[in-house]
Every structure is written in structure tokens, then in C-alpha cells.
Amino acid sequence: MAKTIQAIRGMNDCLPTETPVWQWVESKVRSTLASYGYSEIRMPIVENTPLFARAIGEVTDVVSKEMFTFNDRDNESLTLRPEGTAGCVRAGIEHGLLYNQEQRLWYMGPMFRYERPQKGRYRQFHQAGVEVFGIANAEIDAELIILTARLWKELGIEQHVTLQLNSIGSLEARANYRSALVEFLQQYVGLMNEEEKERLLKNPLRILDTKNEALQQALNNAPKLLDYLDDDSREHFARLCAILDNVGISYEINPKLVRGLDYYNKTVFEWVTTALGAQGTICGGGRYDGLVEQLGGHATCGVGFAMGLERLILLVQEVNKAIPLPQSAVDIYLIFAGENTASAAFRLAEKVRSELPHLRTMMHCSGGNFKKQFKRADKSGAKIALVIGESEVQNQQVVVKDLLGGAEQQTVALEAVIDHLKTSFKE
């Protein structure tokens, strides 16, 4: 017997029992973004590899270890997108959306990273992301944070997330801080593993979010990035904090919260939770005023965030027990048997779908007697069965049966069945 083919490790199926919660969370994301006037953009899943090498950086773990990269038939190097920002910027430059313009964009879809699969983190995962271009002031940073806070309320998780905030200043300020941090860390090289030693040489700010507890203890005495901020970044951060204070958004200033890439500047933020154990960050964002120019466009300021949907859905399921998901995939189940009943059943099914599009109508298509069909109808979870036999076709009637036992079976004239269903589904 042939070996059973299974899904690739870390790339998971989403089964019919799981899709309703996904659809509910995605609908909340879409409706919240629409209420703030943001527009959807859809980018390809595959991009040219140099896009990510230039945007994310050759020395980062994502580019050096985690990307799914392959050569196509023309020997061009292509990569499954590991994140959405680079592709969004590429699309904005290519289609002339960014120069001297303001854009508020969002996207949603699968991303790919080759890493060890674990709960809430997979090789194919899904993100919703927002990117704003052409607005330099702190008000837009505040709007993104306020927008996410509203989304948490919509999802019923607002009591289980905390906002962490920091400013990483300008490139020059960060270079000065980088020198001070490296000098401080030299005395703790003995506490570092090989990966941390490599980061000390290539990307020392990333050591600030190390999971090494001994090194974290030492970092409590490290120089603080906030002490090295330039005046413009300091004013920007103060303005952001003042807005958040005025609208009642609580936050913690986390001086260890950084981004390791040069195009990031000023605001960085994360929403974290303790409800999922080690996988604590559900949304992260920040300002990246240097990225558009780095990818070949005109200098354009940018700010955005991304949230992993798998982790977000885990949190929703953990803490929100009142998700209004449909209890059944079907409202009406249409049964028919006998000569000339199939055509009448199809006509009725399409009439119901046209005039009552909010109801979910399933038609029995696998044959069998009425007893077998009623078993299928009961299994579907439908509230009502519409039954057509030969006598119903002859008399232009439909039998309406309440499958949940709340009302007597009735025979209704075909022309009156829509009104009857409207009344039944109001109750």
C-alpha cells in the first residue's frame, strides 16, 4: 500500500470545526481597520530574494536561517515571504503609491519561516499587518496603538494584554548607544552562548531581548537607550505618551524593547500577554522611516505593526468564552424523493437562497428514502427541513418540518413558503 502523504511539518490544515473562530477573528480585524479608513492591499506570497535580504538584513536570523528560498526555472532566487512589510513597501514603490502621498494600508495572509514548530509558531503562519506611509508625527503612531486597543476590546481580550512602549531614537543616537552597550557587555561575554556572541559582533541591540536569565540580570545595569535619544526622538516619544495618557491607554515603558535593523527609528511597541506562557507577544510594531529609501524609493516615513493570527486566536480561545460562532453550518435542509421532485427541489432551494440570503440552505443530493434523508437533516443541525414529494409537486406545496421539535409539521403553499420561513426564523 502506498505511503500516506501528510502535511509538511509546521504547515497545518485548518479544519471545518476550526474555521468559524478564524473567520470571526478575521472579520473583527477587517471591520476595525475599515472603521479607521484603512485600505486593503494584497501582495504575492513569493518575492525576489534580494527584497528581503535588503529590507531585513543579511545578518538577521530571518534571512540567514529561516527563509524558504529556491531557484526558479530561470535560475532566479525566489523566497516565500517571511513577513509583510518589505513586500508592501515594494508594491508601494512599484505602483507609485508612496511619493508625496499618505497611505494607510493593511494586509492579511500566510507567511513562511523555517524554524522549529511549536504552539502558536509554525512554518506557515498567518499575519495581519498595517503599514502607514507619509505621516511623520506622533499622532499616527498613537492611532495605530489606539486602533489595536479597540481590536482587543472587540475580541474580548483587552484585560489580558499589556502595551509595552519604547523609543529607539535616530540612527546616530542608536550608534552612540550601540558603542556604550558593547563596551558594557564585554564584561559578560562569559555568560553568552555562541548565538549571543555572534549578536554582540553583528547586532548587539538584539541581546537586550535575550532569554538568557543570567544575562538579563546583568542587563538591568546596562546603559538605557532612552538616555541616548536625540531631541527630535525625545519630543516625538513625549508627544506619543501624552496622547495615550489623554485617551486612557495604559502602557509600560520597556527600555529593553528594541528593533535590530537600521531602518527602524523612534517608536517601537508590543502588546504582550501572560495567558499563553512563553509565547507572550501578540502584536508588534514601530516606525521605519528609512526603509522606503533603502529599497530604492524616495525618502518616505513609515510606521506599522503586525500580529500573528495563530497566537491571537489561541489567546481569544483561552480567555474569551463568549465568541458568537454559528452553532450549525446549516439553517434549512431540503429533502426530496420521487418522480419530478429534483427539479422542483432545485428551484425551491435557489428561490430560498435568493430571497433569504442570510440563511444557509443545504440540499440533500445523495439520494435515499425519506428516513435516510431525515437522518442527514438531523445531523446537519438545521432548524427546519423543507420536504418535497410527488404529491407536493402536484399540489404546488412544501412540507415544513421543525427539526428542533418546537412546532408542528405544516404543509404550506409553494408561493407562501418564503413568508413562512421569514416568520420561523424571527422566532
Foldseek 3Di string as FASTA:
>chain_A
DDDDDDDDFQDDDQDPVRVLLVVLLVVLVVVLCVVVPAAEDDFDQKDQLVLCCLQVHCPDCQNVPWWDWDADPVRGIMTGAQDDPSRVLVVCQVVVNAPVHKHKYKYKDWGATPDDDDQLDGRIFMKIKIKIWFDDALVVVLVQVVSVCVSCVVLVNNVFKAKEKEFQAALVLVVVLLVQQLVLCVVVVVQDDPVQVSCSVPFNLVCLPDPSVVVVVSCVPGDFSVVSHDPVLVVRVVVNVVVCVVVVHDHHYDSSDDRRDNQFGRMKMFMFGPQPPPPTTFKIWGKRQRNSVSSPHDRMTMIMMMGTPSVVSVSSVRRPPPRPGDPFQAAEEEEEDEPPTVVVRVVLQVVCCVVPVVGHYHYDDPDDDPVVSVVVVLVRVYQWYWYDYPVCVVQQWIWIDGSVPPDDIDIGHNVCVNVVVVVVVVD
